[in-house]
C-alpha cells in the first residue's frame, strides 16, 4: 500500500511540475503507438473485410494463421526486426535500427494480426446479414468491403482500441529495436523497465500509473465520440 501511495505521489509530482522528461517520453510513446496503429489499421481493417467477403481455397488456413499470429512473442518480433535493420541485414543501409521508425515497424507487425482478426470476425457477421442484399445490388468486392466497414465502424473501433492497448504497453520488441536511448527512443514502457532495474520503484510505479491513465483517456475519448455520433443521429 505504501508503494502504491508513493507511486501515486510521484505521478502527481511529475504531472504538476510538467516534468520535461515525462512530457518527452509521453509524446514519443503516443507518436510511436498512434503511427503504428494507423498503419496497422490501414492494413488490418481492409484485410479483415476482404477475408469476410472473399472465398478461396486456402481461406481457412489464412484465417487460422492470422489468428495464430496474434500470440506472436514480441521479443521474437523485435529480434527479427533487429536482424533486418542491423548492418548485416537486408535493410541495414537505411540506418533505421535504434530509431522510432524501427519501433513503429515492430509494433505494426505485432498488432496488425490482432486488428485484422477482430475486424474479420465483426465483418463476417455483417456479411452474413448483408450478403443477399449486396449481391442483388451487384456491388463490387470493393463496394462490399467499404459498406461493411462503414456499417461496422463501432466494432472496428474496438479492433483499433485493442491494437492501441497492446501497442502502448509493449516493451520487449521496442526495447530490442529501439535501445531505450535517452532523448531518442525512450518511451513510457522502457522507462518503467529502466527505473525498476535501478530500484526506483516509486518512479517506475508513477510512470506506470501515467501509462494506465493515458490508455484510459484514449479509450474514454473513443467511447465519447461514438456516443456523440449516436446522439447526432437522433
Protein backbone atom coordinates (compact mmCIF):
# COMPACT_ATOMS: atom_id res chain seq x y z
CA UNK A 1 0.00 0.00 0.00
CA UNK A 2 2.85 2.34 0.85
CA UNK A 3 4.47 1.63 -2.53
CA UNK A 4 1.21 2.43 -4.31
CA UNK A 5 0.84 5.73 -2.44
CA UNK A 6 4.46 6.58 -3.18
CA UNK A 7 3.91 5.82 -6.87
CA UNK A 8 0.75 7.94 -6.95
CA UNK A 9 2.57 10.80 -5.23
CA UNK A 10 5.42 10.55 -7.75
CA UNK A 11 2.99 10.53 -10.67
CA UNK A 12 1.25 13.64 -9.35
CA UNK A 13 4.58 15.38 -8.83
CA UNK A 14 5.65 14.65 -12.42
CA UNK A 15 2.34 15.90 -13.81
CA UNK A 16 2.08 19.01 -11.63
CA UNK A 17 5.66 20.10 -12.28
CA UNK A 18 5.29 19.38 -16.03
CA UNK A 19 8.46 17.35 -15.94
CA UNK A 20 10.24 17.82 -19.29
CA UNK A 21 11.44 14.21 -19.48
CA UNK A 22 7.94 12.93 -18.76
CA UNK A 23 6.41 15.10 -21.49
CA UNK A 24 9.06 13.99 -23.96
CA UNK A 25 8.68 10.25 -23.40
CA UNK A 26 4.88 10.51 -23.22
CA UNK A 27 4.70 12.32 -26.56
CA UNK A 28 7.13 9.83 -28.07
CA UNK A 29 5.03 6.95 -26.74
CA UNK A 30 1.94 8.42 -28.39
CA UNK A 31 3.79 9.19 -31.61
CA UNK A 32 5.15 5.66 -31.99
CA UNK A 33 1.95 3.93 -30.90
CA UNK A 34 -0.51 6.02 -32.91
CA UNK A 35 1.63 5.88 -36.04
CA UNK A 36 1.88 2.10 -35.76
CA UNK A 37 -1.87 1.88 -35.10
CA UNK A 38 -2.77 3.94 -38.18
CA UNK A 39 -0.57 1.73 -40.38
CA UNK A 40 -1.89 -1.47 -38.77
CA UNK A 41 -5.50 -0.34 -39.27
CA UNK A 42 -4.79 0.64 -42.89
CA UNK A 43 -3.61 -2.95 -43.44
CA UNK A 44 -5.72 -4.94 -40.98
CA UNK A 45 -9.21 -3.46 -41.45
CA UNK A 46 -9.39 -3.93 -45.25
CA UNK A 47 -7.77 -7.35 -44.85
CA UNK A 48 -10.44 -8.37 -42.35
CA UNK A 49 -13.16 -7.18 -44.73
CA UNK A 50 -11.56 -8.93 -47.69
CA UNK A 51 -11.40 -12.24 -45.80
CA UNK A 52 -15.06 -11.81 -44.81
CA UNK A 53 -16.37 -11.46 -48.38
CA UNK A 54 -13.80 -13.40 -50.40
CA UNK A 55 -13.93 -17.17 -50.80
CA UNK A 56 -10.81 -19.01 -51.97
CA UNK A 57 -9.16 -22.36 -51.46
CA UNK A 58 -6.72 -21.54 -48.63
CA UNK A 59 -9.04 -19.07 -46.88
CA UNK A 60 -9.39 -21.07 -43.66
CA UNK A 61 -5.64 -21.63 -43.47
CA UNK A 62 -5.02 -17.90 -43.92
CA UNK A 63 -7.54 -17.03 -41.19
CA UNK A 64 -6.07 -19.63 -38.84
CA UNK A 65 -2.57 -18.30 -39.47
CA UNK A 66 -3.71 -14.74 -38.87
CA UNK A 67 -5.35 -15.73 -35.58
CA UNK A 68 -2.23 -17.64 -34.53
CA UNK A 69 -0.05 -14.58 -35.20
CA UNK A 70 -1.98 -12.70 -32.51
CA UNK A 71 0.11 -14.62 -29.98
CA UNK A 72 3.40 -13.88 -31.74
CA UNK A 73 6.01 -13.26 -28.98
CA UNK A 74 7.04 -9.59 -29.08
CA UNK A 75 10.69 -10.39 -28.31
CA UNK A 76 10.78 -12.64 -31.39
CA UNK A 77 9.36 -9.82 -33.50
CA UNK A 78 11.95 -7.48 -32.01
CA UNK A 79 14.74 -9.92 -32.83
CA UNK A 80 13.54 -10.34 -36.44
CA UNK A 81 13.28 -6.58 -36.97
CA UNK A 82 16.68 -6.12 -35.33
CA UNK A 83 18.27 -8.60 -37.75
CA UNK A 84 16.53 -6.97 -40.72
CA UNK A 85 17.77 -3.48 -39.79
CA UNK A 86 21.21 -4.40 -38.45
CA UNK A 87 24.28 -3.51 -40.50
CA UNK A 88 24.50 -7.03 -41.91
CA UNK A 89 20.74 -7.19 -42.56
CA UNK A 90 18.97 -6.54 -45.88
CA UNK A 91 17.79 -3.09 -44.73
CA UNK A 92 20.88 -2.14 -42.74
CA UNK A 93 21.83 0.52 -45.27
CA UNK A 94 18.78 2.54 -44.21
CA UNK A 95 20.20 3.11 -40.73
CA UNK A 96 16.84 2.63 -39.01
CA UNK A 97 17.98 0.49 -36.09
CA UNK A 98 17.61 2.22 -32.70
CA UNK A 99 15.20 4.80 -34.10
CA UNK A 100 11.45 5.39 -33.56
CA UNK A 101 10.87 4.09 -37.10
CA UNK A 102 12.19 0.65 -36.17
CA UNK A 103 9.95 0.68 -33.10
CA UNK A 104 6.95 1.54 -35.28
CA UNK A 105 7.75 -1.32 -37.68
CA UNK A 106 7.93 -3.79 -34.77
CA UNK A 107 4.62 -2.59 -33.34
CA UNK A 108 2.91 -2.79 -36.74
CA UNK A 109 3.96 -6.43 -37.06
CA UNK A 110 2.68 -7.17 -33.55
CA UNK A 111 -0.74 -5.51 -33.70
CA UNK A 112 -1.80 -5.95 -37.34
CA UNK A 113 -2.92 -9.60 -36.87
CA UNK A 114 -4.96 -8.56 -33.81
CA UNK A 115 -6.69 -5.71 -35.64
CA UNK A 116 -7.33 -7.86 -38.71
CA UNK A 117 -8.71 -10.77 -36.70
CA UNK A 118 -11.21 -8.68 -34.73
CA UNK A 119 -12.21 -6.82 -37.91
CA UNK A 120 -12.74 -10.10 -39.75
CA UNK A 121 -14.97 -11.51 -37.03
CA UNK A 122 -17.07 -8.35 -36.95
CA UNK A 123 -17.44 -8.05 -40.72
CA UNK A 124 -18.04 -11.77 -41.17
CA UNK A 125 -21.21 -11.43 -39.10
CA UNK A 126 -22.25 -8.34 -41.06
CA UNK A 127 -21.56 -10.11 -44.35
CA UNK A 128 -23.92 -12.94 -43.44
CA UNK A 129 -26.57 -10.29 -42.82
CA UNK A 130 -25.97 -8.16 -45.92
CA UNK A 131 -24.84 -10.88 -48.30
CA UNK A 132 -28.07 -11.25 -50.28
CA UNK A 133 -28.71 -7.51 -50.43
CA UNK A 134 -25.24 -6.61 -51.70
CA UNK A 135 -25.24 -9.45 -54.20
CA UNK A 136 -28.65 -8.40 -55.55
CA UNK A 137 -27.34 -4.83 -55.94
CA UNK A 138 -24.43 -6.19 -57.99
CA UNK A 139 -21.96 -4.45 -55.70
CA UNK A 140 -18.29 -4.93 -56.49
CA UNK A 141 -16.00 -6.57 -53.96
CA UNK A 142 -14.53 -3.20 -53.05
CA UNK A 143 -18.01 -1.72 -52.51
CA UNK A 144 -18.95 -4.68 -50.32
CA UNK A 145 -15.89 -4.22 -48.12
CA UNK A 146 -16.42 -0.45 -47.84
CA UNK A 147 -20.10 -0.99 -46.92
CA UNK A 148 -19.20 -3.49 -44.22
CA UNK A 149 -16.51 -1.20 -42.82
CA UNK A 150 -18.87 1.78 -42.67
CA UNK A 151 -21.69 -0.15 -41.05
CA UNK A 152 -19.39 -1.96 -38.63
CA UNK A 153 -17.31 1.07 -37.65
CA UNK A 154 -18.09 0.66 -33.95
CA UNK A 155 -16.75 -2.89 -33.98
CA UNK A 156 -13.76 -1.70 -35.99
CA UNK A 157 -13.11 0.97 -33.38
CA UNK A 158 -12.96 -1.84 -30.83
CA UNK A 159 -10.36 -3.54 -33.03
CA UNK A 160 -8.35 -0.32 -33.17
CA UNK A 161 -8.56 0.15 -29.39
CA UNK A 162 -7.39 -3.43 -28.86
CA UNK A 163 -4.42 -2.71 -31.10
CA UNK A 164 -3.71 0.54 -29.25
CA UNK A 165 -3.86 -1.22 -25.89
CA UNK A 166 -1.36 -3.84 -26.96
CA UNK A 167 0.96 -1.35 -28.64
CA UNK A 168 1.04 1.24 -25.84
CA UNK A 169 2.03 -1.44 -23.31
CA UNK A 170 4.67 -3.12 -25.48
CA UNK A 171 8.19 -3.20 -24.09
CA UNK A 172 10.08 -6.29 -25.30
CA UNK A 173 10.24 -5.61 -29.03
CA UNK A 174 10.79 -1.87 -28.81
CA UNK A 175 13.49 -2.34 -26.18
CA UNK A 176 15.38 -4.55 -28.65
CA UNK A 177 14.98 -2.40 -31.76
CA UNK A 178 14.89 0.99 -30.02
CA UNK A 179 17.61 0.52 -27.45
CA UNK A 180 15.87 2.73 -24.84
CA UNK A 181 18.14 5.66 -25.74
CA UNK A 182 17.52 8.75 -23.63
CA UNK A 183 16.20 11.60 -25.74
CA UNK A 184 15.81 9.41 -28.82
CA UNK A 185 13.87 6.16 -28.33
CA UNK A 186 12.89 6.08 -24.66
CA UNK A 187 9.14 5.65 -24.13
CA UNK A 188 6.99 5.10 -21.05
CA UNK A 189 7.26 1.30 -21.01
CA UNK A 190 11.03 1.22 -21.46
CA UNK A 191 11.42 3.99 -18.87
CA UNK A 192 9.41 1.89 -16.41
CA UNK A 193 11.66 -1.11 -17.08
CA UNK A 194 14.76 1.05 -16.63
CA UNK A 195 13.65 2.61 -13.35
CA UNK A 196 12.58 -0.77 -11.99
CA UNK A 197 16.03 -2.15 -12.76
CA UNK A 198 17.58 0.80 -10.94
CA UNK A 199 15.41 0.17 -7.90
CA UNK A 200 13.45 3.42 -8.28
CA UNK A 201 10.14 1.68 -7.65
CA UNK A 202 8.19 4.82 -6.76
CA UNK A 203 9.17 6.50 -10.04
CA UNK A 204 8.51 3.30 -12.00
CA UNK A 205 5.09 2.94 -10.42
CA UNK A 206 4.33 6.61 -11.04
CA UNK A 207 5.18 6.20 -14.72
CA UNK A 208 3.03 3.08 -14.78
CA UNK A 209 0.04 4.97 -13.40
CA UNK A 210 0.55 7.67 -16.03
CA UNK A 211 0.64 4.97 -18.73
CA UNK A 212 -2.62 3.48 -17.46
CA UNK A 213 -4.22 6.92 -17.32
CA UNK A 214 -3.12 7.61 -20.90
CA UNK A 215 -4.70 4.38 -22.15
CA UNK A 216 -7.92 5.14 -20.25
CA UNK A 217 -8.10 8.67 -21.69
CA UNK A 218 -7.82 7.36 -25.26
CA UNK A 219 -10.44 4.68 -24.62
CA UNK A 220 -12.89 7.08 -22.96
CA UNK A 221 -12.41 9.64 -25.74
CA UNK A 222 -13.24 6.98 -28.33
CA UNK A 223 -16.39 5.89 -26.49
CA UNK A 224 -17.42 9.53 -26.07
CA UNK A 225 -17.02 10.06 -29.83
CA UNK A 226 -19.27 7.08 -30.52
CA UNK A 227 -21.87 8.26 -28.04
CA UNK A 228 -21.82 11.72 -29.67
CA UNK A 229 -22.33 10.10 -33.07
CA UNK A 230 -25.36 8.18 -31.81
CA UNK A 231 -26.91 11.33 -30.35
CA UNK A 232 -26.33 13.14 -33.62
CA UNK A 233 -28.39 10.55 -35.47
CA UNK A 234 -31.34 11.17 -33.27
